[in-house]
Amino acid sequence: MHLARDYIHPYKGAGGRPAHCCIRIYLPDDTRDAPVVICSELSNNPGGSVTNSAEVIAAGVIWANELPTPLVWIEHWPKESNDGGLKRLIWSSSLATRLRRERPTLGR
C-alpha cells in the first residue's frame, strides 16, 4: 500500500451545513487488493459528523478520486472525542456504485 492522496474533503452534513473531514487514500501495490480510505473527523469541523454523513462523504470521495469498489472505508475520530477510535466498513454497496456513476454533488 502507498499513500496516494491526503486532503481536506468538503461536504454538507446531514443538516445541510457545510462541513469538512480529512481523507487519506491508500492504493494497493497488488491489483487484487482493495484501496483503503481513512476518513478522519476534524476537531474544528463546523458541520455534521463523519459518521452521520458517511454515505455522502464516501460517494463524493469515490467519484472525485475515481476509486474502484469494493474498497475499505475506515472512520477515525480524534482521541479526545466521545467516539475516539476506529470503525472499519467494507464499502461495496450498489448505492455507492450508482452514486459514483451519477456524479453526486456535495450534500447529496
PDB file of N, CA and C in Angstrom:
ATOM      1  N   MET A   1       0.844  -1.183   0.000  1.00  0.00           N
ATOM      2  CA  MET A   1       0.000   0.000   0.000  1.00  0.00           C
ATOM      3  C   MET A   1       0.886   1.242   0.000  1.00  0.00           C
ATOM      4  N   HIS A   2       0.403   2.253  -0.673  1.00  0.00           N
ATOM      5  CA  HIS A   2       1.094   3.537  -0.644  1.00  0.00           C
ATOM      6  C   HIS A   2       0.058   4.659  -0.570  1.00  0.00           C
ATOM      7  N   LEU A   3       0.435   5.732   0.115  1.00  0.00           N
ATOM      8  CA  LEU A   3      -0.443   6.884   0.264  1.00  0.00           C
ATOM      9  C   LEU A   3      -0.530   7.606  -1.075  1.00  0.00           C
ATOM     10  N   ALA A   4      -1.744   7.679  -1.623  1.00  0.00           N
ATOM     11  CA  ALA A   4      -1.946   8.308  -2.922  1.00  0.00           C
ATOM     12  C   ALA A   4      -2.485   9.729  -2.788  1.00  0.00           C
ATOM     13  N   ARG A   5      -3.318   9.980  -1.769  1.00  0.00           N
ATOM     14  CA  ARG A   5      -3.904  11.310  -1.563  1.00  0.00           C
ATOM     15  C   ARG A   5      -4.073  11.557  -0.080  1.00  0.00           C
ATOM     16  N   ASP A   6      -3.927  12.803   0.320  1.00  0.00           N
ATOM     17  CA  ASP A   6      -4.140  13.243   1.702  1.00  0.00           C
ATOM     18  C   ASP A   6      -4.667  14.676   1.596  1.00  0.00           C
ATOM     19  N   TYR A   7      -5.964  14.867   1.869  1.00  0.00           N
ATOM     20  CA  TYR A   7      -6.550  16.190   1.654  1.00  0.00           C
ATOM     21  C   TYR A   7      -7.754  16.422   2.565  1.00  0.00           C
ATOM     22  N   ILE A   8      -8.182  17.679   2.627  1.00  0.00           N
ATOM     23  CA  ILE A   8      -9.381  18.047   3.372  1.00  0.00           C
ATOM     24  C   ILE A   8     -10.547  17.987   2.387  1.00  0.00           C
ATOM     25  N   HIS A   9     -11.541  17.181   2.726  1.00  0.00           N
ATOM     26  CA  HIS A   9     -12.692  16.962   1.836  1.00  0.00           C
ATOM     27  C   HIS A   9     -13.908  17.732   2.346  1.00  0.00           C
ATOM     28  N   PRO A  10     -14.456  18.661   1.542  1.00  0.00           N
ATOM     29  CA  PRO A  10     -15.659  19.386   1.955  1.00  0.00           C
ATOM     30  C   PRO A  10     -16.913  18.556   1.649  1.00  0.00           C
ATOM     31  N   TYR A  11     -17.916  18.685   2.494  1.00  0.00           N
ATOM     32  CA  TYR A  11     -19.203  18.020   2.269  1.00  0.00           C
ATOM     33  C   TYR A  11     -20.274  18.786   3.026  1.00  0.00           C
ATOM     34  N   LYS A  12     -21.515  18.455   2.754  1.00  0.00           N
ATOM     35  CA  LYS A  12     -22.619  19.022   3.519  1.00  0.00           C
ATOM     36  C   LYS A  12     -23.117  17.946   4.458  1.00  0.00           C
ATOM     37  N   GLY A  13     -23.212  18.294   5.735  1.00  0.00           N
ATOM     38  CA  GLY A  13     -23.662  17.349   6.739  1.00  0.00           C
ATOM     39  C   GLY A  13     -25.136  17.024   6.587  1.00  0.00           C
ATOM     40  N   ALA A  14     -25.607  16.102   7.423  1.00  0.00           N
ATOM     41  CA  ALA A  14     -26.992  15.651   7.367  1.00  0.00           C
ATOM     42  C   ALA A  14     -27.967  16.818   7.489  1.00  0.00           C
ATOM     43  N   GLY A  15     -27.622  17.851   8.230  1.00  0.00           N
ATOM     44  CA  GLY A  15     -28.478  19.020   8.383  1.00  0.00           C
ATOM     45  C   GLY A  15     -28.288  20.061   7.293  1.00  0.00           C
ATOM     46  N   GLY A  16     -27.434  19.793   6.311  1.00  0.00           N
ATOM     47  CA  GLY A  16     -27.197  20.719   5.213  1.00  0.00           C
ATOM     48  C   GLY A  16     -26.113  21.757   5.474  1.00  0.00           C
ATOM     49  N   ARG A  17     -25.499  21.707   6.662  1.00  0.00           N
ATOM     50  CA  ARG A  17     -24.439  22.663   6.977  1.00  0.00           C
ATOM     51  C   ARG A  17     -23.127  22.245   6.325  1.00  0.00           C
ATOM     52  N   PRO A  18     -22.337  23.210   5.859  1.00  0.00           N
ATOM     53  CA  PRO A  18     -21.019  22.883   5.313  1.00  0.00           C
ATOM     54  C   PRO A  18     -20.145  22.222   6.387  1.00  0.00           C
ATOM     55  N   ALA A  19     -19.387  21.242   5.964  1.00  0.00           N
ATOM     56  CA  ALA A  19     -18.518  20.501   6.878  1.00  0.00           C
ATOM     57  C   ALA A  19     -17.275  20.068   6.111  1.00  0.00           C
ATOM     58  N   HIS A  20     -16.295  19.536   6.832  1.00  0.00           N
ATOM     59  CA  HIS A  20     -15.096  19.020   6.186  1.00  0.00           C
ATOM     60  C   HIS A  20     -14.455  17.938   7.058  1.00  0.00           C
ATOM     61  N   CYS A  21     -13.709  17.076   6.392  1.00  0.00           N
ATOM     62  CA  CYS A  21     -13.009  15.985   7.076  1.00  0.00           C
ATOM     63  C   CYS A  21     -11.684  15.757   6.363  1.00  0.00           C
ATOM     64  N   CYS A  22     -10.819  14.993   6.985  1.00  0.00           N
ATOM     65  CA  CYS A  22      -9.535  14.646   6.375  1.00  0.00           C
ATOM     66  C   CYS A  22      -9.677  13.288   5.690  1.00  0.00           C
ATOM     67  N   ILE A  23      -9.237  13.191   4.460  1.00  0.00           N
ATOM     68  CA  ILE A  23      -9.284  11.942   3.704  1.00  0.00           C
ATOM     69  C   ILE A  23      -7.865  11.527   3.351  1.00  0.00           C
ATOM     70  N   ARG A  24      -7.564  10.270   3.629  1.00  0.00           N
ATOM     71  CA  ARG A  24      -6.289   9.672   3.208  1.00  0.00           C
ATOM     72  C   ARG A  24      -6.632   8.430   2.394  1.00  0.00           C
ATOM     73  N   ILE A  25      -6.099   8.362   1.191  1.00  0.00           N
ATOM     74  CA  ILE A  25      -6.372   7.242   0.298  1.00  0.00           C
ATOM     75  C   ILE A  25      -5.086   6.455   0.090  1.00  0.00           C
ATOM     76  N   TYR A  26      -5.172   5.181   0.397  1.00  0.00           N
ATOM     77  CA  TYR A  26      -4.050   4.275   0.195  1.00  0.00           C
ATOM     78  C   TYR A  26      -4.407   3.314  -0.934  1.00  0.00           C
ATOM     79  N   LEU A  27      -3.563   3.280  -1.953  1.00  0.00           N
ATOM     80  CA  LEU A  27      -3.795   2.375  -3.068  1.00  0.00           C
ATOM     81  C   LEU A  27      -2.887   1.156  -2.932  1.00  0.00           C
ATOM     82  N   PRO A  28      -3.429  -0.008  -3.289  1.00  0.00           N
ATOM     83  CA  PRO A  28      -2.641  -1.238  -3.139  1.00  0.00           C
ATOM     84  C   PRO A  28      -1.573  -1.354  -4.222  1.00  0.00           C
ATOM     85  N   ASP A  29      -0.519  -2.049  -3.880  1.00  0.00           N
ATOM     86  CA  ASP A  29       0.515  -2.349  -4.858  1.00  0.00           C
ATOM     87  C   ASP A  29       0.097  -3.532  -5.728  1.00  0.00           C
ATOM     88  N   ASP A  30      -0.749  -4.386  -5.174  1.00  0.00           N
ATOM     89  CA  ASP A  30      -1.263  -5.554  -5.891  1.00  0.00           C
ATOM     90  C   ASP A  30      -2.693  -5.242  -6.332  1.00  0.00           C
ATOM     91  N   THR A  31      -2.989  -5.361  -7.609  1.00  0.00           N
ATOM     92  CA  THR A  31      -4.309  -5.008  -8.137  1.00  0.00           C
ATOM     93  C   THR A  31      -5.425  -5.892  -7.589  1.00  0.00           C
ATOM     94  N   ARG A  32      -5.082  -7.003  -6.957  1.00  0.00           N
ATOM     95  CA  ARG A  32      -6.110  -7.879  -6.372  1.00  0.00           C
ATOM     96  C   ARG A  32      -6.580  -7.375  -5.007  1.00  0.00           C
ATOM     97  N   ASP A  33      -5.866  -6.409  -4.440  1.00  0.00           N
ATOM     98  CA  ASP A  33      -6.238  -5.835  -3.149  1.00  0.00           C
ATOM     99  C   ASP A  33      -7.137  -4.621  -3.345  1.00  0.00           C
ATOM    100  N   ALA A  34      -7.890  -4.294  -2.312  1.00  0.00           N
ATOM    101  CA  ALA A  34      -8.800  -3.150  -2.366  1.00  0.00           C
ATOM    102  C   ALA A  34      -8.109  -1.890  -1.849  1.00  0.00           C
ATOM    103  N   PRO A  35      -8.499  -0.733  -2.379  1.00  0.00           N
ATOM    104  CA  PRO A  35      -7.999   0.528  -1.829  1.00  0.00           C
ATOM    105  C   PRO A  35      -8.519   0.712  -0.403  1.00  0.00           C
ATOM    106  N   VAL A  36      -7.797   1.501   0.383  1.00  0.00           N
ATOM    107  CA  VAL A  36      -8.212   1.811   1.752  1.00  0.00           C
ATOM    108  C   VAL A  36      -8.360   3.322   1.867  1.00  0.00           C
ATOM    109  N   VAL A  37      -9.515   3.754   2.396  1.00  0.00           N
ATOM    110  CA  VAL A  37      -9.772   5.174   2.608  1.00  0.00           C
ATOM    111  C   VAL A  37      -9.962   5.394   4.101  1.00  0.00           C
ATOM    112  N   ILE A  38      -9.196   6.328   4.658  1.00  0.00           N
ATOM    113  CA  ILE A  38      -9.361   6.697   6.066  1.00  0.00           C
ATOM    114  C   ILE A  38      -9.989   8.085   6.091  1.00  0.00           C
ATOM    115  N   CYS A  39     -11.162   8.149   6.718  1.00  0.00           N
ATOM    116  CA  CYS A  39     -11.911   9.399   6.838  1.00  0.00           C
ATOM    117  C   CYS A  39     -11.833   9.836   8.296  1.00  0.00           C
ATOM    118  N   SER A  40     -11.144  10.946   8.550  1.00  0.00           N
ATOM    119  CA  SER A  40     -10.930  11.403   9.925  1.00  0.00           C
ATOM    120  C   SER A  40     -11.809  12.605  10.252  1.00  0.00           C
ATOM    121  N   GLU A  41     -12.477  12.501  11.391  1.00  0.00           N
ATOM    122  CA  GLU A  41     -13.245  13.626  11.923  1.00  0.00           C
ATOM    123  C   GLU A  41     -12.244  14.682  12.376  1.00  0.00           C
ATOM    124  N   LEU A  42     -12.488  15.934  12.014  1.00  0.00           N
ATOM    125  CA  LEU A  42     -11.612  17.020  12.429  1.00  0.00           C
ATOM    126  C   LEU A  42     -12.219  17.738  13.622  1.00  0.00           C
ATOM    127  N   SER A  43     -11.378  18.120  14.571  1.00  0.00           N
ATOM    128  CA  SER A  43     -11.880  18.775  15.781  1.00  0.00           C
ATOM    129  C   SER A  43     -12.509  20.129  15.476  1.00  0.00           C
ATOM    130  N   ASN A  44     -12.138  20.753  14.366  1.00  0.00           N
ATOM    131  CA  ASN A  44     -12.701  22.056  14.014  1.00  0.00           C
ATOM    132  C   ASN A  44     -13.784  21.949  12.937  1.00  0.00           C
ATOM    133  N   ASN A  45     -14.385  20.782  12.785  1.00  0.00           N
ATOM    134  CA  ASN A  45     -15.435  20.581  11.797  1.00  0.00           C
ATOM    135  C   ASN A  45     -16.698  21.339  12.215  1.00  0.00           C
ATOM    136  N   PRO A  46     -17.165  22.298  11.402  1.00  0.00           N
ATOM    137  CA  PRO A  46     -18.325  23.095  11.787  1.00  0.00           C
ATOM    138  C   PRO A  46     -19.658  22.401  11.527  1.00  0.00           C
ATOM    139  N   GLY A  47     -19.658  21.308  10.779  1.00  0.00           N
ATOM    140  CA  GLY A  47     -20.910  20.648  10.394  1.00  0.00           C
ATOM    141  C   GLY A  47     -21.083  19.286  11.022  1.00  0.00           C
ATOM    142  N   GLY A  48     -21.917  18.474  10.386  1.00  0.00           N
ATOM    143  CA  GLY A  48     -22.239  17.141  10.885  1.00  0.00           C
ATOM    144  C   GLY A  48     -21.043  16.212  10.912  1.00  0.00           C
ATOM    145  N   SER A  49     -21.137  15.209  11.779  1.00  0.00           N
ATOM    146  CA  SER A  49     -20.032  14.259  11.959  1.00  0.00           C
ATOM    147  C   SER A  49     -19.844  13.374  10.735  1.00  0.00           C
ATOM    148  N   VAL A  50     -18.658  12.788  10.628  1.00  0.00           N
ATOM    149  CA  VAL A  50     -18.377  11.884   9.514  1.00  0.00           C
ATOM    150  C   VAL A  50     -19.246  10.626   9.612  1.00  0.00           C
ATOM    151  N   THR A  51     -19.608  10.227  10.808  1.00  0.00           N
ATOM    152  CA  THR A  51     -20.457   9.047  10.978  1.00  0.00           C
ATOM    153  C   THR A  51     -21.840   9.285  10.393  1.00  0.00           C
ATOM    154  N   ASN A  52     -22.435  10.435  10.688  1.00  0.00           N
ATOM    155  CA  ASN A  52     -23.779  10.724  10.199  1.00  0.00           C
ATOM    156  C   ASN A  52     -23.819  11.023   8.706  1.00  0.00           C
ATOM    157  N   SER A  53     -22.680  11.321   8.116  1.00  0.00           N
ATOM    158  CA  SER A  53     -22.628  11.678   6.698  1.00  0.00           C
ATOM    159  C   SER A  53     -21.762  10.713   5.890  1.00  0.00           C
ATOM    160  N   ALA A  54     -21.513   9.529   6.412  1.00  0.00           N
ATOM    161  CA  ALA A  54     -20.577   8.592   5.771  1.00  0.00           C
ATOM    162  C   ALA A  54     -20.935   8.286   4.324  1.00  0.00           C
ATOM    163  N   GLU A  55     -22.214   8.073   4.032  1.00  0.00           N
ATOM    164  CA  GLU A  55     -22.610   7.720   2.665  1.00  0.00           C
ATOM    165  C   GLU A  55     -22.328   8.864   1.698  1.00  0.00           C
ATOM    166  N   VAL A  56     -22.628  10.088   2.114  1.00  0.00           N
ATOM    167  CA  VAL A  56     -22.398  11.257   1.267  1.00  0.00           C
ATOM    168  C   VAL A  56     -20.898  11.461   1.043  1.00  0.00           C
ATOM    169  N   ILE A  57     -20.139  11.365   2.124  1.00  0.00           N
ATOM    170  CA  ILE A  57     -18.686  11.553   2.018  1.00  0.00           C
ATOM    171  C   ILE A  57     -18.083  10.471   1.127  1.00  0.00           C
ATOM    172  N   ALA A  58     -18.450   9.215   1.383  1.00  0.00           N
ATOM    173  CA  ALA A  58     -17.874   8.101   0.608  1.00  0.00           C
ATOM    174  C   ALA A  58     -18.199   8.228  -0.872  1.00  0.00           C
ATOM    175  N   ALA A  59     -19.443   8.551  -1.203  1.00  0.00           N
ATOM    176  CA  ALA A  59     -19.811   8.703  -2.614  1.00  0.00           C
ATOM    177  C   ALA A  59     -19.005   9.819  -3.263  1.00  0.00           C
ATOM    178  N   GLY A  60     -18.832  10.943  -2.561  1.00  0.00           N
ATOM    179  CA  GLY A  60     -18.060  12.048  -3.094  1.00  0.00           C
ATOM    180  C   GLY A  60     -16.590  11.706  -3.279  1.00  0.00           C
ATOM    181  N   VAL A  61     -16.028  10.996  -2.314  1.00  0.00           N
ATOM    182  CA  VAL A  61     -14.616  10.602  -2.389  1.00  0.00           C
ATOM    183  C   VAL A  61     -14.407   9.589  -3.514  1.00  0.00           C
ATOM    184  N   ILE A  62     -15.303   8.611  -3.618  1.00  0.00           N
ATOM    185  CA  ILE A  62     -15.197   7.592  -4.673  1.00  0.00           C
ATOM    186  C   ILE A  62     -15.250   8.256  -6.042  1.00  0.00           C
ATOM    187  N   TRP A  63     -16.214   9.159  -6.224  1.00  0.00           N
ATOM    188  CA  TRP A  63     -16.360   9.825  -7.520  1.00  0.00           C
ATOM    189  C   TRP A  63     -15.180  10.744  -7.818  1.00  0.00           C
ATOM    190  N   ALA A  64     -14.823  11.609  -6.866  1.00  0.00           N
ATOM    191  CA  ALA A  64     -13.772  12.608  -7.099  1.00  0.00           C
ATOM    192  C   ALA A  64     -12.418  11.973  -7.384  1.00  0.00           C
ATOM    193  N   ASN A  65     -12.180  10.798  -6.815  1.00  0.00           N
ATOM    194  CA  ASN A  65     -10.875  10.156  -6.975  1.00  0.00           C
ATOM    195  C   ASN A  65     -10.917   8.949  -7.908  1.00  0.00           C
ATOM    196  N   GLU A  66     -12.081   8.733  -8.531  1.00  0.00           N
ATOM    197  CA  GLU A  66     -12.273   7.620  -9.470  1.00  0.00           C
ATOM    198  C   GLU A  66     -11.791   6.297  -8.882  1.00  0.00           C
ATOM    199  N   LEU A  67     -12.232   6.017  -7.655  1.00  0.00           N
ATOM    200  CA  LEU A  67     -11.798   4.808  -6.966  1.00  0.00           C
ATOM    201  C   LEU A  67     -12.653   3.615  -7.356  1.00  0.00           C
ATOM    202  N   PRO A  68     -12.024   2.454  -7.467  1.00  0.00           N
ATOM    203  CA  PRO A  68     -12.802   1.244  -7.729  1.00  0.00           C
ATOM    204  C   PRO A  68     -13.479   0.774  -6.441  1.00  0.00           C
ATOM    205  N   THR A  69     -14.589   0.082  -6.579  1.00  0.00           N
ATOM    206  CA  THR A  69     -15.228  -0.566  -5.441  1.00  0.00           C
ATOM    207  C   THR A  69     -15.189  -2.057  -5.713  1.00  0.00           C
ATOM    208  N   PRO A  70     -15.131  -2.894  -4.690  1.00  0.00           N
ATOM    209  CA  PRO A  70     -15.191  -2.534  -3.278  1.00  0.00           C
ATOM    210  C   PRO A  70     -13.891  -1.896  -2.785  1.00  0.00           C
ATOM    211  N   LEU A  71     -14.046  -1.157  -1.685  1.00  0.00           N
ATOM    212  CA  LEU A  71     -12.886  -0.587  -1.018  1.00  0.00           C
ATOM    213  C   LEU A  71     -13.115  -0.689   0.483  1.00  0.00           C
ATOM    214  N   VAL A  72     -12.071  -0.470   1.240  1.00  0.00           N
ATOM    215  CA  VAL A  72     -12.185  -0.497   2.702  1.00  0.00           C
ATOM    216  C   VAL A  72     -12.280   0.949   3.167  1.00  0.00           C
ATOM    217  N   TRP A  73     -13.345   1.252   3.919  1.00  0.00           N
ATOM    218  CA  TRP A  73     -13.600   2.600   4.433  1.00  0.00           C
ATOM    219  C   TRP A  73     -13.395   2.568   5.938  1.00  0.00           C
ATOM    220  N   ILE A  74     -12.506   3.404   6.436  1.00  0.00           N
ATOM    221  CA  ILE A  74     -12.227   3.451   7.871  1.00  0.00           C
ATOM    222  C   ILE A  74     -12.542   4.841   8.380  1.00  0.00           C
ATOM    223  N   GLU A  75     -13.387   4.911   9.410  1.00  0.00           N
ATOM    224  CA  GLU A  75     -13.667   6.189  10.060  1.00  0.00           C
ATOM    225  C   GLU A  75     -12.760   6.322  11.265  1.00  0.00           C
ATOM    226  N   HIS A  76     -12.215   7.514  11.454  1.00  0.00           N
ATOM    227  CA  HIS A  76     -11.318   7.777  12.566  1.00  0.00           C
ATOM    228  C   HIS A  76     -11.783   9.032  13.288  1.00  0.00           C
ATOM    229  N   TRP A  77     -11.834   8.969  14.610  1.00  0.00           N
ATOM    230  CA  TRP A  77     -12.211  10.123  15.424  1.00  0.00           C
ATOM    231  C   TRP A  77     -11.042  10.515  16.303  1.00  0.00           C
ATOM    232  N   PRO A  78     -10.903  11.801  16.592  1.00  0.00           N
ATOM    233  CA  PRO A  78      -9.817  12.247  17.473  1.00  0.00           C
ATOM    234  C   PRO A  78      -9.916  11.563  18.838  1.00  0.00           C
ATOM    235  N   LYS A  79      -8.795  11.369  19.445  1.00  0.00           N
ATOM    236  CA  LYS A  79      -8.740  10.703  20.745  1.00  0.00           C
ATOM    237  C   LYS A  79      -9.617  11.404  21.783  1.00  0.00           C
ATOM    238  N   GLU A  80      -9.709  12.741  21.697  1.00  0.00           N
ATOM    239  CA  GLU A  80     -10.474  13.496  22.693  1.00  0.00           C
ATOM    240  C   GLU A  80     -11.985  13.436  22.482  1.00  0.00           C
ATOM    241  N   SER A  81     -12.450  12.885  21.352  1.00  0.00           N
ATOM    242  CA  SER A  81     -13.897  12.822  21.126  1.00  0.00           C
ATOM    243  C   SER A  81     -14.515  11.676  21.921  1.00  0.00           C
ATOM    244  N   ASN A  82     -15.819  11.736  22.071  1.00  0.00           N
ATOM    245  CA  ASN A  82     -16.533  10.680  22.796  1.00  0.00           C
ATOM    246  C   ASN A  82     -16.464   9.347  22.076  1.00  0.00           C
ATOM    247  N   ASP A  83     -16.365   9.396  20.760  1.00  0.00           N
ATOM    248  CA  ASP A  83     -16.321   8.172  19.957  1.00  0.00           C
ATOM    249  C   ASP A  83     -14.898   7.738  19.649  1.00  0.00           C
ATOM    250  N   GLY A  84     -13.894   8.328  20.311  1.00  0.00           N
ATOM    251  CA  GLY A  84     -12.489   8.109  19.983  1.00  0.00           C
ATOM    252  C   GLY A  84     -12.181   6.682  19.571  1.00  0.00           C
ATOM    253  N   GLY A  85     -11.679   6.507  18.382  1.00  0.00           N
ATOM    254  CA  GLY A  85     -11.330   5.186  17.909  1.00  0.00           C
ATOM    255  C   GLY A  85     -11.497   5.052  16.414  1.00  0.00           C
ATOM    256  N   LEU A  86     -11.642   3.809  15.978  1.00  0.00           N
ATOM    257  CA  LEU A  86     -11.754   3.489  14.571  1.00  0.00           C
ATOM    258  C   LEU A  86     -12.998   2.658  14.313  1.00  0.00           C
ATOM    259  N   LYS A  87     -13.552   2.787  13.131  1.00  0.00           N
ATOM    260  CA  LYS A  87     -14.644   1.935  12.691  1.00  0.00           C
ATOM    261  C   LYS A  87     -14.339   1.561  11.261  1.00  0.00           C
ATOM    262  N   ARG A  88     -14.353   0.270  10.955  1.00  0.00           N
ATOM    263  CA  ARG A  88     -13.996  -0.181   9.610  1.00  0.00           C
ATOM    264  C   ARG A  88     -15.237  -0.716   8.906  1.00  0.00           C
ATOM    265  N   LEU A  89     -15.412  -0.320   7.665  1.00  0.00           N
ATOM    266  CA  LEU A  89     -16.520  -0.793   6.842  1.00  0.00           C
ATOM    267  C   LEU A  89     -15.958  -1.248   5.505  1.00  0.00           C
ATOM    268  N   ILE A  90     -16.513  -2.295   4.971  1.00  0.00           N
ATOM    269  CA  ILE A  90     -16.171  -2.684   3.610  1.00  0.00           C
ATOM    270  C   ILE A  90     -17.210  -2.010   2.726  1.00  0.00           C
ATOM    271  N   TRP A  91     -16.790  -1.081   1.888  1.00  0.00           N
ATOM    272  CA  TRP A  91     -17.706  -0.287   1.095  1.00  0.00           C
ATOM    273  C   TRP A  91     -17.870  -0.927  -0.269  1.00  0.00           C
ATOM    274  N   SER A  92     -18.982  -1.620  -0.460  1.00  0.00           N
ATOM    275  CA  SER A  92     -19.201  -2.258  -1.749  1.00  0.00           C
ATOM    276  C   SER A  92     -20.661  -2.182  -2.168  1.00  0.00           C
ATOM    277  N   SER A  93     -21.390  -1.268  -1.557  1.00  0.00           N
ATOM    278  CA  SER A  93     -22.825  -1.206  -1.823  1.00  0.00           C
ATOM    279  C   SER A  93     -23.124  -0.763  -3.241  1.00  0.00           C
ATOM    280  N   SER A  94     -24.236  -1.230  -3.757  1.00  0.00           N
ATOM    281  CA  SER A  94     -24.667  -0.814  -5.088  1.00  0.00           C
ATOM    282  C   SER A  94     -25.016   0.671  -5.079  1.00  0.00           C
ATOM    283  N   LEU A  95     -25.429   1.220  -3.932  1.00  0.00           N
ATOM    284  CA  LEU A  95     -25.727   2.645  -3.836  1.00  0.00           C
ATOM    285  C   LEU A  95     -24.483   3.471  -4.133  1.00  0.00           C
ATOM    286  N   ALA A  96     -23.351   3.086  -3.559  1.00  0.00           N
ATOM    287  CA  ALA A  96     -22.111   3.828  -3.811  1.00  0.00           C
ATOM    288  C   ALA A  96     -21.746   3.758  -5.283  1.00  0.00           C
ATOM    289  N   THR A  97     -21.927   2.597  -5.894  1.00  0.00           N
ATOM    290  CA  THR A  97     -21.613   2.451  -7.307  1.00  0.00           C
ATOM    291  C   THR A  97     -22.555   3.315  -8.139  1.00  0.00           C
ATOM    292  N   ARG A  98     -23.852   3.328  -7.798  1.00  0.00           N
ATOM    293  CA  ARG A  98     -24.830   4.131  -8.532  1.00  0.00           C
ATOM    294  C   ARG A  98     -24.507   5.616  -8.379  1.00  0.00           C
ATOM    295  N   LEU A  99     -24.208   6.053  -7.143  1.00  0.00           N
ATOM    296  CA  LEU A  99     -23.888   7.456  -6.917  1.00  0.00           C
ATOM    297  C   LEU A  99     -22.622   7.850  -7.665  1.00  0.00           C
ATOM    298  N   ARG A 100     -21.679   6.933  -7.738  1.00  0.00           N
ATOM    299  CA  ARG A 100     -20.430   7.230  -8.448  1.00  0.00           C
ATOM    300  C   ARG A 100     -20.721   7.491  -9.920  1.00  0.00           C
ATOM    301  N   ARG A 101     -21.610   6.702 -10.516  1.00  0.00           N
ATOM    302  CA  ARG A 101     -21.953   6.896 -11.919  1.00  0.00           C
ATOM    303  C   ARG A 101     -22.705   8.190 -12.155  1.00  0.00           C
ATOM    304  N   GLU A 102     -23.505   8.608 -11.159  1.00  0.00           N
ATOM    305  CA  GLU A 102     -24.327   9.800 -11.308  1.00  0.00           C
ATOM    306  C   GLU A 102     -23.593  11.081 -10.945  1.00  0.00           C
ATOM    307  N   ARG A 103     -22.335  11.000 -10.565  1.00  0.00           N
ATOM    308  CA  ARG A 103     -21.537  12.174 -10.189  1.00  0.00           C
ATOM    309  C   ARG A 103     -22.251  13.011  -9.129  1.00  0.00           C
ATOM    310  N   PRO A 104     -22.285  12.518  -7.892  1.00  0.00           N
ATOM    311  CA  PRO A 104     -23.019  13.233  -6.845  1.00  0.00           C
ATOM    312  C   PRO A 104     -22.394  14.585  -6.537  1.00  0.00           C
ATOM    313  N   THR A 105     -23.239  15.516  -6.130  1.00  0.00           N
ATOM    314  CA  THR A 105     -22.741  16.804  -5.674  1.00  0.00           C
ATOM    315  C   THR A 105     -22.622  16.748  -4.166  1.00  0.00           C
ATOM    316  N   LEU A 106     -21.884  17.656  -3.579  1.00  0.00           N
ATOM    317  CA  LEU A 106     -21.720  17.665  -2.138  1.00  0.00           C
ATOM    318  C   LEU A 106     -23.079  17.823  -1.483  1.00  0.00           C
ATOM    319  N   GLY A 107     -23.321  17.020  -0.445  1.00  0.00           N
ATOM    320  CA  GLY A 107     -24.555  17.111   0.303  1.00  0.00           C
ATOM    321  C   GLY A 107     -25.682  16.294  -0.281  1.00  0.00           C
ATOM    322  N   ARG A 108     -25.442  15.603  -1.388  1.00  0.00           N
ATOM    323  CA  ARG A 108     -26.486  14.810  -1.992  1.00  0.00           C
ATOM    324  C   ARG A 108     -26.532  13.429  -1.405  1.00  0.00           C
TER     325      ARG A 108
END
